[in-house]
PDB file of N, CA and C in Angstrom:
ATOM      1  N   MET A   1     -20.236  48.239  22.874  1.00  0.00           N
ATOM      2  CA  MET A   1     -20.138  48.494  21.722  1.00  0.00           C
ATOM      3  C   MET A   1     -21.499  48.298  20.440  1.00  0.00           C
ATOM      4  N   THR A   2     -22.119  49.231  19.450  1.00  0.00           N
ATOM      5  CA  THR A   2     -22.837  48.705  18.908  1.00  0.00           C
ATOM      6  C   THR A   2     -22.840  48.230  18.041  1.00  0.00           C
ATOM      7  N   LYS A   3     -24.721  47.917  17.655  1.00  0.00           N
ATOM      8  CA  LYS A   3     -24.611  46.731  16.677  1.00  0.00           C
ATOM      9  C   LYS A   3     -23.552  46.731  15.201  1.00  0.00           C
ATOM     10  N   LYS A   4     -23.477  48.452  14.738  1.00  0.00           N
ATOM     11  CA  LYS A   4     -23.123  48.546  13.740  1.00  0.00           C
ATOM     12  C   LYS A   4     -21.115  47.825  14.015  1.00  0.00           C
ATOM     13  N   SER A   5     -20.204  48.923  14.846  1.00  0.00           N
ATOM     14  CA  SER A   5     -19.646  48.470  15.056  1.00  0.00           C
ATOM     15  C   SER A   5     -18.915  46.740  15.454  1.00  0.00           C
ATOM     16  N   SER A   6     -19.806  46.633  15.862  1.00  0.00           N
ATOM     17  CA  SER A   6     -19.594  45.096  16.772  1.00  0.00           C
ATOM     18  C   SER A   6     -19.857  43.842  15.120  1.00  0.00           C
ATOM     19  N   ARG A   7     -20.685  44.933  14.337  1.00  0.00           N
ATOM     20  CA  ARG A   7     -20.576  43.315  12.397  1.00  0.00           C
ATOM     21  C   ARG A   7     -19.120  44.366  12.137  1.00  0.00           C
ATOM     22  N   SER A   8     -18.824  45.216  12.029  1.00  0.00           N
ATOM     23  CA  SER A   8     -17.775  45.900  11.346  1.00  0.00           C
ATOM     24  C   SER A   8     -16.544  45.270  11.726  1.00  0.00           C
ATOM     25  N   ALA A   9     -16.385  44.874  13.297  1.00  0.00           N
ATOM     26  CA  ALA A   9     -15.787  43.841  13.717  1.00  0.00           C
ATOM     27  C   ALA A   9     -15.480  42.888  13.135  1.00  0.00           C
ATOM     28  N   ASP A  10     -16.783  42.280  13.380  1.00  0.00           N
ATOM     29  CA  ASP A  10     -17.188  40.467  12.846  1.00  0.00           C
ATOM     30  C   ASP A  10     -16.264  40.856  11.592  1.00  0.00           C
ATOM     31  N   ASP A  11     -16.369  41.827  10.778  1.00  0.00           N
ATOM     32  CA  ASP A  11     -16.352  41.681   9.311  1.00  0.00           C
ATOM     33  C   ASP A  11     -14.413  41.595   9.004  1.00  0.00           C
ATOM     34  N   ILE A  12     -14.076  42.519   9.906  1.00  0.00           N
ATOM     35  CA  ILE A  12     -12.553  42.309   9.791  1.00  0.00           C
ATOM     36  C   ILE A  12     -12.091  41.284  10.063  1.00  0.00           C
ATOM     37  N   THR A  13     -12.784  40.368  11.015  1.00  0.00           N
ATOM     38  CA  THR A  13     -12.401  39.502  11.835  1.00  0.00           C
ATOM     39  C   THR A  13     -12.570  38.079  10.518  1.00  0.00           C
ATOM     40  N   ALA A  14     -13.324  38.051   9.822  1.00  0.00           N
ATOM     41  CA  ALA A  14     -13.860  37.367   8.489  1.00  0.00           C
ATOM     42  C   ALA A  14     -12.820  37.868   6.905  1.00  0.00           C
ATOM     43  N   ILE A  15     -12.434  38.937   7.560  1.00  0.00           N
ATOM     44  CA  ILE A  15     -11.807  39.347   6.076  1.00  0.00           C
ATOM     45  C   ILE A  15     -10.173  38.694   6.556  1.00  0.00           C
ATOM     46  N   GLU A  16      -9.460  39.060   7.495  1.00  0.00           N
ATOM     47  CA  GLU A  16      -8.322  38.390   7.906  1.00  0.00           C
ATOM     48  C   GLU A  16      -8.285  37.121   7.940  1.00  0.00           C
ATOM     49  N   ASP A  17      -9.655  35.946   8.474  1.00  0.00           N
ATOM     50  CA  ASP A  17      -9.607  35.182   8.353  1.00  0.00           C
ATOM     51  C   ASP A  17      -8.855  34.059   6.865  1.00  0.00           C
ATOM     52  N   LEU A  18     -10.229  34.808   5.735  1.00  0.00           N
ATOM     53  CA  LEU A  18     -10.172  34.764   4.491  1.00  0.00           C
ATOM     54  C   LEU A  18      -8.561  34.893   4.009  1.00  0.00           C
ATOM     55  N   MET A  19      -8.051  36.442   4.594  1.00  0.00           N
ATOM     56  CA  MET A  19      -6.942  36.592   3.682  1.00  0.00           C
ATOM     57  C   MET A  19      -5.366  35.089   3.988  1.00  0.00           C
ATOM     58  N   GLU A  20      -5.664  34.760   5.464  1.00  0.00           N
ATOM     59  CA  GLU A  20      -5.659  33.919   6.057  1.00  0.00           C
ATOM     60  C   GLU A  20      -5.228  32.687   5.443  1.00  0.00           C
ATOM     61  N   ASP A  21      -6.061  31.892   4.771  1.00  0.00           N
ATOM     62  CA  ASP A  21      -6.359  30.990   4.231  1.00  0.00           C
ATOM     63  C   ASP A  21      -6.390  30.677   2.787  1.00  0.00           C
ATOM     64  N   LEU A  22      -6.216  32.238   2.319  1.00  0.00           N
ATOM     65  CA  LEU A  22      -6.359  32.262   1.082  1.00  0.00           C
ATOM     66  C   LEU A  22      -4.481  31.828   0.628  1.00  0.00           C
ATOM     67  N   GLU A  23      -3.342  32.933   2.139  1.00  0.00           N
ATOM     68  CA  GLU A  23      -2.263  32.664   1.720  1.00  0.00           C
ATOM     69  C   GLU A  23      -1.456  31.023   1.910  1.00  0.00           C
ATOM     70  N   THR A  24      -2.513  30.600   2.663  1.00  0.00           N
ATOM     71  CA  THR A  24      -1.584  29.711   2.844  1.00  0.00           C
ATOM     72  C   THR A  24      -1.959  28.606   2.207  1.00  0.00           C
ATOM     73  N   ARG A  25      -3.161  28.169   1.052  1.00  0.00           N
ATOM     74  CA  ARG A  25      -3.851  27.768  -0.319  1.00  0.00           C
ATOM     75  C   ARG A  25      -2.930  27.976  -1.329  1.00  0.00           C
ATOM     76  N   LEU A  26      -2.019  30.020  -1.612  1.00  0.00           N
ATOM     77  CA  LEU A  26      -1.631  29.892  -2.302  1.00  0.00           C
ATOM     78  C   LEU A  26       0.167  29.122  -2.616  1.00  0.00           C
ATOM     79  N   ARG A  27       0.739  29.047  -0.587  1.00  0.00           N
ATOM     80  CA  ARG A  27       1.498  28.830  -0.331  1.00  0.00           C
ATOM     81  C   ARG A  27       1.930  27.332  -0.661  1.00  0.00           C
ATOM     82  N   ARG A  28       0.771  26.780  -0.414  1.00  0.00           N
ATOM     83  CA  ARG A  28       0.751  25.697  -0.782  1.00  0.00           C
ATOM     84  C   ARG A  28       0.941  25.055  -2.469  1.00  0.00           C
ATOM     85  N   LEU A  29       0.030  26.012  -2.961  1.00  0.00           N
ATOM     86  CA  LEU A  29       0.096  25.589  -4.789  1.00  0.00           C
ATOM     87  C   LEU A  29       1.612  26.342  -5.118  1.00  0.00           C
ATOM     88  N   ASN A  30       2.421  27.356  -4.676  1.00  0.00           N
ATOM     89  CA  ASN A  30       3.626  27.192  -4.530  1.00  0.00           C
ATOM     90  C   ASN A  30       4.302  26.779  -4.618  1.00  0.00           C
ATOM     91  N   THR A  31       4.557  25.953  -3.380  1.00  0.00           N
ATOM     92  CA  THR A  31       5.665  24.707  -2.803  1.00  0.00           C
ATOM     93  C   THR A  31       4.556  23.707  -3.948  1.00  0.00           C
ATOM     94  N   LYS A  32       3.933  23.107  -4.444  1.00  0.00           N
ATOM     95  CA  LYS A  32       3.080  21.884  -5.519  1.00  0.00           C
ATOM     96  C   LYS A  32       4.097  22.073  -6.853  1.00  0.00           C
ATOM     97  N   ALA A  33       3.735  23.317  -6.974  1.00  0.00           N
ATOM     98  CA  ALA A  33       4.553  23.583  -8.281  1.00  0.00           C
ATOM     99  C   ALA A  33       5.625  23.621  -8.707  1.00  0.00           C
ATOM    100  N   LYS A  34       6.558  23.608  -7.683  1.00  0.00           N
ATOM    101  CA  LYS A  34       8.462  24.143  -7.731  1.00  0.00           C
ATOM    102  C   LYS A  34       7.844  22.180  -7.712  1.00  0.00           C
ATOM    103  N   ASP A  35       7.830  21.571  -7.076  1.00  0.00           N
ATOM    104  CA  ASP A  35       8.035  19.743  -6.688  1.00  0.00           C
ATOM    105  C   ASP A  35       7.751  19.053  -8.107  1.00  0.00           C
ATOM    106  N   ASP A  36       6.261  20.097  -8.420  1.00  0.00           N
ATOM    107  CA  ASP A  36       6.122  19.360  -9.508  1.00  0.00           C
ATOM    108  C   ASP A  36       7.135  19.274 -11.430  1.00  0.00           C
ATOM    109  N   ALA A  37       6.848  20.240 -10.935  1.00  0.00           N
ATOM    110  CA  ALA A  37       7.589  21.189 -12.486  1.00  0.00           C
ATOM    111  C   ALA A  37       8.962  21.484 -12.506  1.00  0.00           C
ATOM    112  N   SER A  38       9.682  21.338 -13.711  1.00  0.00           N
ATOM    113  CA  SER A  38      11.158  21.531 -13.569  1.00  0.00           C
ATOM    114  C   SER A  38      11.585  22.859 -14.708  1.00  0.00           C
ATOM    115  N   ASP A  39      10.602  22.635 -16.094  1.00  0.00           N
ATOM    116  CA  ASP A  39      10.285  23.843 -16.334  1.00  0.00           C
ATOM    117  C   ASP A  39       8.606  24.708 -16.686  1.00  0.00           C
ATOM    118  N   GLY A  40       9.158  26.628 -15.867  1.00  0.00           N
ATOM    119  CA  GLY A  40       8.503  27.073 -15.739  1.00  0.00           C
ATOM    120  C   GLY A  40       8.137  27.327 -14.712  1.00  0.00           C
ATOM    121  N   SER A  41       8.983  26.657 -13.336  1.00  0.00           N
ATOM    122  CA  SER A  41       8.923  26.455 -12.173  1.00  0.00           C
ATOM    123  C   SER A  41       8.416  27.931 -12.217  1.00  0.00           C
ATOM    124  N   GLY A  42      10.135  29.143 -12.794  1.00  0.00           N
ATOM    125  CA  GLY A  42      10.264  30.131 -12.393  1.00  0.00           C
ATOM    126  C   GLY A  42       8.462  31.466 -12.436  1.00  0.00           C
ATOM    127  N   ASP A  43       7.522  31.029 -13.294  1.00  0.00           N
ATOM    128  CA  ASP A  43       6.792  31.798 -13.966  1.00  0.00           C
ATOM    129  C   ASP A  43       5.814  31.684 -13.588  1.00  0.00           C
ATOM    130  N   ILE A  44       4.979  29.857 -12.492  1.00  0.00           N
ATOM    131  CA  ILE A  44       4.511  29.992 -11.633  1.00  0.00           C
ATOM    132  C   ILE A  44       4.762  30.272 -10.722  1.00  0.00           C
ATOM    133  N   LYS A  45       5.631  30.917  -9.666  1.00  0.00           N
ATOM    134  CA  LYS A  45       5.632  31.181  -8.877  1.00  0.00           C
ATOM    135  C   LYS A  45       6.056  32.654  -8.636  1.00  0.00           C
ATOM    136  N   GLU A  46       6.236  33.308  -9.452  1.00  0.00           N
ATOM    137  CA  GLU A  46       6.253  35.005 -10.242  1.00  0.00           C
ATOM    138  C   GLU A  46       4.553  35.099  -9.604  1.00  0.00           C
ATOM    139  N   PHE A  47       4.315  34.038 -10.587  1.00  0.00           N
ATOM    140  CA  PHE A  47       2.505  34.213 -11.196  1.00  0.00           C
ATOM    141  C   PHE A  47       1.914  33.954  -8.924  1.00  0.00           C
ATOM    142  N   VAL A  48       2.147  33.148  -9.095  1.00  0.00           N
ATOM    143  CA  VAL A  48       1.287  32.767  -7.005  1.00  0.00           C
ATOM    144  C   VAL A  48       2.086  33.946  -6.512  1.00  0.00           C
ATOM    145  N   THR A  49       3.085  34.239  -6.540  1.00  0.00           N
ATOM    146  CA  THR A  49       3.632  36.139  -5.394  1.00  0.00           C
ATOM    147  C   THR A  49       3.135  36.711  -5.965  1.00  0.00           C
ATOM    148  N   GLU A  50       3.069  36.833  -7.363  1.00  0.00           N
ATOM    149  CA  GLU A  50       1.804  38.180  -7.285  1.00  0.00           C
ATOM    150  C   GLU A  50       0.293  38.040  -7.483  1.00  0.00           C
ATOM    151  N   ALA A  51      -0.069  36.910  -7.345  1.00  0.00           N
ATOM    152  CA  ALA A  51      -1.733  37.303  -7.079  1.00  0.00           C
ATOM    153  C   ALA A  51      -1.593  37.306  -5.523  1.00  0.00           C
ATOM    154  N   LEU A  52      -0.694  36.519  -4.757  1.00  0.00           N
ATOM    155  CA  LEU A  52      -1.071  36.279  -3.972  1.00  0.00           C
ATOM    156  C   LEU A  52      -1.060  38.160  -2.951  1.00  0.00           C
ATOM    157  N   ALA A  53       0.733  38.771  -3.442  1.00  0.00           N
ATOM    158  CA  ALA A  53       0.485  40.069  -2.904  1.00  0.00           C
ATOM    159  C   ALA A  53      -0.315  41.267  -3.137  1.00  0.00           C
ATOM    160  N   SER A  54      -1.086  40.436  -4.826  1.00  0.00           N
ATOM    161  CA  SER A  54      -2.333  41.641  -5.241  1.00  0.00           C
ATOM    162  C   SER A  54      -3.397  41.040  -3.576  1.00  0.00           C
ATOM    163  N   ILE A  55      -3.768  39.769  -3.934  1.00  0.00           N
ATOM    164  CA  ILE A  55      -5.062  39.608  -3.416  1.00  0.00           C
ATOM    165  C   ILE A  55      -4.996  40.606  -1.386  1.00  0.00           C
ATOM    166  N   SER A  56      -3.704  39.975  -1.038  1.00  0.00           N
ATOM    167  CA  SER A  56      -3.380  41.012   0.273  1.00  0.00           C
ATOM    168  C   SER A  56      -3.373  41.857   0.549  1.00  0.00           C
ATOM    169  N   ALA A  57      -3.375  42.791  -0.948  1.00  0.00           N
ATOM    170  CA  ALA A  57      -2.816  43.877  -0.690  1.00  0.00           C
ATOM    171  C   ALA A  57      -4.696  44.405  -0.784  1.00  0.00           C
ATOM    172  N   ARG A  58      -5.191  44.125  -1.611  1.00  0.00           N
ATOM    173  CA  ARG A  58      -6.659  44.230  -1.744  1.00  0.00           C
ATOM    174  C   ARG A  58      -7.799  44.235  -0.304  1.00  0.00           C
ATOM    175  N   LEU A  59      -7.459  42.501   0.174  1.00  0.00           N
ATOM    176  CA  LEU A  59      -8.048  42.869   1.673  1.00  0.00           C
ATOM    177  C   LEU A  59      -7.468  43.275   2.908  1.00  0.00           C
ATOM    178  N   ARG A  60      -6.231  43.818   2.781  1.00  0.00           N
ATOM    179  CA  ARG A  60      -6.251  44.868   3.411  1.00  0.00           C
ATOM    180  C   ARG A  60      -6.844  46.952   3.232  1.00  0.00           C
ATOM    181  N   ASP A  61      -6.882  46.493   2.353  1.00  0.00           N
ATOM    182  CA  ASP A  61      -7.459  47.891   1.805  1.00  0.00           C
ATOM    183  C   ASP A  61      -8.684  47.687   2.627  1.00  0.00           C
ATOM    184  N   SER A  62      -9.844  46.902   1.942  1.00  0.00           N
ATOM    185  CA  SER A  62     -10.347  46.456   2.955  1.00  0.00           C
ATOM    186  C   SER A  62     -11.059  46.800   4.431  1.00  0.00           C
ATOM    187  N   ALA A  63     -10.178  46.279   4.966  1.00  0.00           N
ATOM    188  CA  ALA A  63     -10.278  45.864   6.272  1.00  0.00           C
ATOM    189  C   ALA A  63      -9.645  47.405   7.112  1.00  0.00           C
ATOM    190  N   ASP A  64      -9.328  48.187   5.932  1.00  0.00           N
ATOM    191  CA  ASP A  64      -8.831  49.305   6.546  1.00  0.00           C
ATOM    192  C   ASP A  64     -10.175  50.655   6.116  1.00  0.00           C
ATOM    193  N   SER A  65     -10.588  49.872   5.098  1.00  0.00           N
ATOM    194  CA  SER A  65     -11.499  50.907   5.373  1.00  0.00           C
ATOM    195  C   SER A  65     -12.700  50.706   6.050  1.00  0.00           C
ATOM    196  N   VAL A  66     -12.630  49.251   5.866  1.00  0.00           N
ATOM    197  CA  VAL A  66     -14.178  48.993   7.374  1.00  0.00           C
ATOM    198  C   VAL A  66     -13.197  49.762   9.070  1.00  0.00           C
ATOM    199  N   THR A  67     -12.148  49.457   9.674  1.00  0.00           N
ATOM    200  CA  THR A  67     -11.865  50.231  10.422  1.00  0.00           C
ATOM    201  C   THR A  67     -11.627  51.398  10.434  1.00  0.00           C
ATOM    202  N   HIS A  68     -11.844  52.902   9.510  1.00  0.00           N
ATOM    203  CA  HIS A  68     -11.748  53.571   9.743  1.00  0.00           C
ATOM    204  C   HIS A  68     -12.966  54.195   9.310  1.00  0.00           C
ATOM    205  N   SER A  69     -14.263  53.851   8.662  1.00  0.00           N
ATOM    206  CA  SER A  69     -15.882  53.393   9.017  1.00  0.00           C
ATOM    207  C   SER A  69     -15.941  53.695  10.353  1.00  0.00           C
ATOM    208  N   VAL A  70     -15.586  52.638  11.304  1.00  0.00           N
ATOM    209  CA  VAL A  70     -15.724  52.795  12.780  1.00  0.00           C
ATOM    210  C   VAL A  70     -15.299  54.032  13.681  1.00  0.00           C
ATOM    211  N   THR A  71     -13.872  53.716  13.188  1.00  0.00           N
ATOM    212  CA  THR A  71     -13.370  55.139  13.595  1.00  0.00           C
ATOM    213  C   THR A  71     -13.992  56.144  13.548  1.00  0.00           C
ATOM    214  N   ASP A  72     -14.955  56.118  12.511  1.00  0.00           N
ATOM    215  CA  ASP A  72     -15.642  57.497  12.267  1.00  0.00           C
ATOM    216  C   ASP A  72     -16.633  57.797  12.899  1.00  0.00           C
ATOM    217  N   GLU A  73     -17.644  56.627  12.820  1.00  0.00           N
ATOM    218  CA  GLU A  73     -18.151  56.056  14.163  1.00  0.00           C
ATOM    219  C   GLU A  73     -17.987  56.084  15.398  1.00  0.00           C
ATOM    220  N   ALA A  74     -17.619  55.569  15.965  1.00  0.00           N
ATOM    221  CA  ALA A  74     -17.085  56.183  17.148  1.00  0.00           C
ATOM    222  C   ALA A  74     -16.723  57.432  17.625  1.00  0.00           C
ATOM    223  N   ALA A  75     -16.222  58.175  16.495  1.00  0.00           N
ATOM    224  CA  ALA A  75     -15.897  59.902  16.537  1.00  0.00           C
ATOM    225  C   ALA A  75     -16.735  60.309  16.721  1.00  0.00           C
ATOM    226  N   ARG A  76     -18.501  60.026  16.251  1.00  0.00           N
ATOM    227  CA  ARG A  76     -19.188  60.667  16.030  1.00  0.00           C
ATOM    228  C   ARG A  76     -20.492  60.403  17.007  1.00  0.00           C
ATOM    229  N   VAL A  77     -20.232  59.398  17.753  1.00  0.00           N
ATOM    230  CA  VAL A  77     -21.315  58.950  18.594  1.00  0.00           C
ATOM    231  C   VAL A  77     -20.226  59.569  19.950  1.00  0.00           C
ATOM    232  N   GLY A  78     -19.375  59.836  20.250  1.00  0.00           N
ATOM    233  CA  GLY A  78     -18.083  60.647  21.701  1.00  0.00           C
ATOM    234  C   GLY A  78     -18.449  61.808  21.440  1.00  0.00           C
ATOM    235  N   GLY A  79     -18.456  62.482  19.802  1.00  0.00           N
ATOM    236  CA  GLY A  79     -18.809  63.850  19.514  1.00  0.00           C
ATOM    237  C   GLY A  79     -20.433  64.392  20.919  1.00  0.00           C
ATOM    238  N   ASP A  80     -20.989  63.573  19.787  1.00  0.00           N
ATOM    239  CA  ASP A  80     -22.487  63.525  20.565  1.00  0.00           C
ATOM    240  C   ASP A  80     -22.882  63.849  21.941  1.00  0.00           C
ATOM    241  N   ALA A  81     -21.908  62.759  22.620  1.00  0.00           N
ATOM    242  CA  ALA A  81     -21.802  61.903  24.003  1.00  0.00           C
ATOM    243  C   ALA A  81     -21.330  63.626  24.731  1.00  0.00           C
ATOM    244  N   ILE A  82     -19.996  64.586  24.485  1.00  0.00           N
ATOM    245  CA  ILE A  82     -20.078  65.221  25.153  1.00  0.00           C
ATOM    246  C   ILE A  82     -20.371  66.068  24.598  1.00  0.00           C
ATOM    247  N   LYS A  83     -21.655  66.677  23.532  1.00  0.00           N
ATOM    248  CA  LYS A  83     -22.344  67.535  23.373  1.00  0.00           C
ATOM    249  C   LYS A  83     -23.305  67.480  24.392  1.00  0.00           C
ATOM    250  N   LYS A  84     -24.700  66.508  24.473  1.00  0.00           N
ATOM    251  CA  LYS A  84     -25.462  66.146  25.818  1.00  0.00           C
ATOM    252  C   LYS A  84     -24.517  66.861  26.673  1.00  0.00           C
ATOM    253  N   ILE A  85     -23.737  66.158  26.920  1.00  0.00           N
ATOM    254  CA  ILE A  85     -22.914  66.297  28.517  1.00  0.00           C
ATOM    255  C   ILE A  85     -23.132  67.820  28.897  1.00  0.00           C
ATOM    256  N   TRP A  86     -22.334  68.913  28.097  1.00  0.00           N
ATOM    257  CA  TRP A  86     -22.252  70.342  27.996  1.00  0.00           C
ATOM    258  C   TRP A  86     -23.957  70.822  28.133  1.00  0.00           C
ATOM    259  N   ASP A  87     -24.933  70.707  27.009  1.00  0.00           N
ATOM    260  CA  ASP A  87     -25.800  70.575  27.764  1.00  0.00           C
ATOM    261  C   ASP A  87     -26.849  70.379  28.637  1.00  0.00           C
ATOM    262  N   GLU A  88     -26.454  69.064  29.312  1.00  0.00           N
ATOM    263  CA  GLU A  88     -27.088  69.405  30.700  1.00  0.00           C
ATOM    264  C   GLU A  88     -25.809  70.445  31.578  1.00  0.00           C
ATOM    265  N   MET A  89     -24.996  71.076  31.536  1.00  0.00           N
ATOM    266  CA  MET A  89     -24.452  71.305  32.200  1.00  0.00           C
ATOM    267  C   MET A  89     -25.083  72.509  31.802  1.00  0.00           C
ATOM    268  N   GLU A  90     -25.091  73.282  30.900  1.00  0.00           N
ATOM    269  CA  GLU A  90     -25.198  74.785  30.417  1.00  0.00           C
ATOM    270  C   GLU A  90     -27.169  74.576  31.252  1.00  0.00           C
ATOM    271  N   GLN A  91     -27.782  73.860  31.405  1.00  0.00           N
ATOM    272  CA  GLN A  91     -28.952  73.547  31.546  1.00  0.00           C
ATOM    273  C   GLN A  91     -28.838  73.591  33.369  1.00  0.00           C
ATOM    274  N   ARG A  92     -28.121  72.856  33.859  1.00  0.00           N
ATOM    275  CA  ARG A  92     -27.922  72.256  35.252  1.00  0.00           C
ATOM    276  C   ARG A  92     -26.427  72.925  35.808  1.00  0.00           C
ATOM    277  N   PRO A  93     -26.549  74.333  35.948  1.00  0.00           N
ATOM    278  CA  PRO A  93     -24.979  74.831  36.508  1.00  0.00           C
ATOM    279  C   PRO A  93     -24.601  74.553  37.881  1.00  0.00           C
ATOM    280  N   LEU A  94     -25.564  74.909  38.400  1.00  0.00           N
ATOM    281  CA  LEU A  94     -25.683  74.844  40.425  1.00  0.00           C
ATOM    282  C   LEU A  94     -25.726  72.526  40.341  1.00  0.00           C
ATOM    283  N   LEU A  95     -26.657  71.299  39.718  1.00  0.00           N
ATOM    284  CA  LEU A  95     -26.055  71.062  40.294  1.00  0.00           C
ATOM    285  C   LEU A  95     -24.845  70.212  39.278  1.00  0.00           C
ATOM    286  N   THR A  96     -24.464  70.698  38.082  1.00  0.00           N
ATOM    287  CA  THR A  96     -22.990  70.477  37.300  1.00  0.00           C
ATOM    288  C   THR A  96     -21.552  70.799  38.965  1.00  0.00           C
ATOM    289  N   LEU A  97     -22.007  72.365  39.450  1.00  0.00           N
ATOM    290  CA  LEU A  97     -20.897  72.514  40.408  1.00  0.00           C
ATOM    291  C   LEU A  97     -20.821  71.924  41.945  1.00  0.00           C
ATOM    292  N   ALA A  98     -22.259  70.866  41.941  1.00  0.00           N
ATOM    293  CA  ALA A  98     -22.203  69.845  43.115  1.00  0.00           C
ATOM    294  C   ALA A  98     -21.820  68.660  42.724  1.00  0.00           C
ATOM    295  N   VAL A  99     -21.544  68.084  41.481  1.00  0.00           N
ATOM    296  CA  VAL A  99     -21.129  67.048  41.237  1.00  0.00           C
ATOM    297  C   VAL A  99     -19.922  67.350  41.458  1.00  0.00           C
ATOM    298  N   ALA A 100     -19.013  68.143  41.156  1.00  0.00           N
ATOM    299  CA  ALA A 100     -17.719  68.274  40.537  1.00  0.00           C
ATOM    300  C   ALA A 100     -16.984  68.810  41.825  1.00  0.00           C
ATOM    301  N   ALA A 101     -17.990  69.273  42.773  1.00  0.00           N
ATOM    302  CA  ALA A 101     -17.210  69.429  44.277  1.00  0.00           C
ATOM    303  C   ALA A 101     -17.437  67.598  44.641  1.00  0.00           C
ATOM    304  N   GLY A 102     -18.572  67.356  44.725  1.00  0.00           N
ATOM    305  CA  GLY A 102     -18.357  65.849  45.543  1.00  0.00           C
ATOM    306  C   GLY A 102     -17.422  64.897  44.758  1.00  0.00           C
ATOM    307  N   LEU A 103     -16.931  65.177  43.810  1.00  0.00           N
ATOM    308  CA  LEU A 103     -15.701  64.049  43.070  1.00  0.00           C
ATOM    309  C   LEU A 103     -14.546  64.840  43.398  1.00  0.00           C
ATOM    310  N   GLY A 104     -14.977  65.583  43.643  1.00  0.00           N
ATOM    311  CA  GLY A 104     -12.558  66.411  44.471  1.00  0.00           C
ATOM    312  C   GLY A 104     -13.347  66.103  45.709  1.00  0.00           C
ATOM    313  N   TYR A 105     -13.989  66.278  46.372  1.00  0.00           N
ATOM    314  CA  TYR A 105     -13.889  65.996  47.315  1.00  0.00           C
ATOM    315  C   TYR A 105     -13.956  64.434  47.734  1.00  0.00           C
ATOM    316  N   LEU A 106     -14.346  63.352  47.206  1.00  0.00           N
ATOM    317  CA  LEU A 106     -13.673  61.347  47.210  1.00  0.00           C
ATOM    318  C   LEU A 106     -12.591  61.438  46.060  1.00  0.00           C
ATOM    319  N   VAL A 107     -11.607  62.173  45.658  1.00  0.00           N
ATOM    320  CA  VAL A 107     -10.768  62.077  45.079  1.00  0.00           C
ATOM    321  C   VAL A 107      -9.688  62.440  46.184  1.00  0.00           C
ATOM    322  N   GLY A 108     -10.306  63.881  47.044  1.00  0.00           N
ATOM    323  CA  GLY A 108      -9.541  63.677  48.071  1.00  0.00           C
ATOM    324  C   GLY A 108      -9.113  63.132  49.087  1.00  0.00           C
ATOM    325  N   LEU A 109     -10.443  62.030  49.578  1.00  0.00           N
ATOM    326  CA  LEU A 109     -10.342  60.977  50.918  1.00  0.00           C
ATOM    327  C   LEU A 109      -9.292  60.402  49.878  1.00  0.00           C
ATOM    328  N   ILE A 110      -9.939  59.922  48.957  1.00  0.00           N
ATOM    329  CA  ILE A 110      -8.863  58.432  48.192  1.00  0.00           C
ATOM    330  C   ILE A 110      -6.917  58.763  48.755  1.00  0.00           C
ATOM    331  N   GLY A 111      -7.261  60.375  48.114  1.00  0.00           N
ATOM    332  CA  GLY A 111      -5.353  61.050  47.894  1.00  0.00           C
ATOM    333  C   GLY A 111      -5.083  60.818  49.449  1.00  0.00           C
ATOM    334  N   ARG A 112      -5.733  60.350  50.221  1.00  0.00           N
ATOM    335  CA  ARG A 112      -5.284  60.602  51.362  1.00  0.00           C
ATOM    336  C   ARG A 112      -4.915  59.467  52.356  1.00  0.00           C
ATOM    337  N   ARG A 113      -5.117  58.583  51.433  1.00  0.00           N
ATOM    338  CA  ARG A 113      -5.712  56.343  52.011  1.00  0.00           C
ATOM    339  C   ARG A 113      -3.963  56.766  51.696  1.00  0.00           C
ATOM    340  N   ASP A 114      -3.810  56.806  50.710  1.00  0.00           N
ATOM    341  CA  ASP A 114      -2.506  56.713  50.130  1.00  0.00           C
ATOM    342  C   ASP A 114      -1.324  57.091  50.804  1.00  0.00           C
TER     343      ASP A 114
END
């Protein structure tokens, strides 16, 4: 895993932790508001519910953005690796053929054992 993808994974984890903490705090506030207020408790509940939904949506969008960034980076690195392998195959076709034959032989031996 690269440093960039490791940082992205750490960022996603931190965002998820913050989101869980915020949801917990807002639920506590909602519960306290219901217990303490007789008038207007519906307004407070509605406000807390809307705030929680809005914050959750924004944090999920941020996490999705980071996830897409990591996915794009992985695809780029994978594409670069395939290009390098292809270049090596073009530069050394006999070596590539020998490696393929050796792998085929080993797979055949393993297949006989079963």
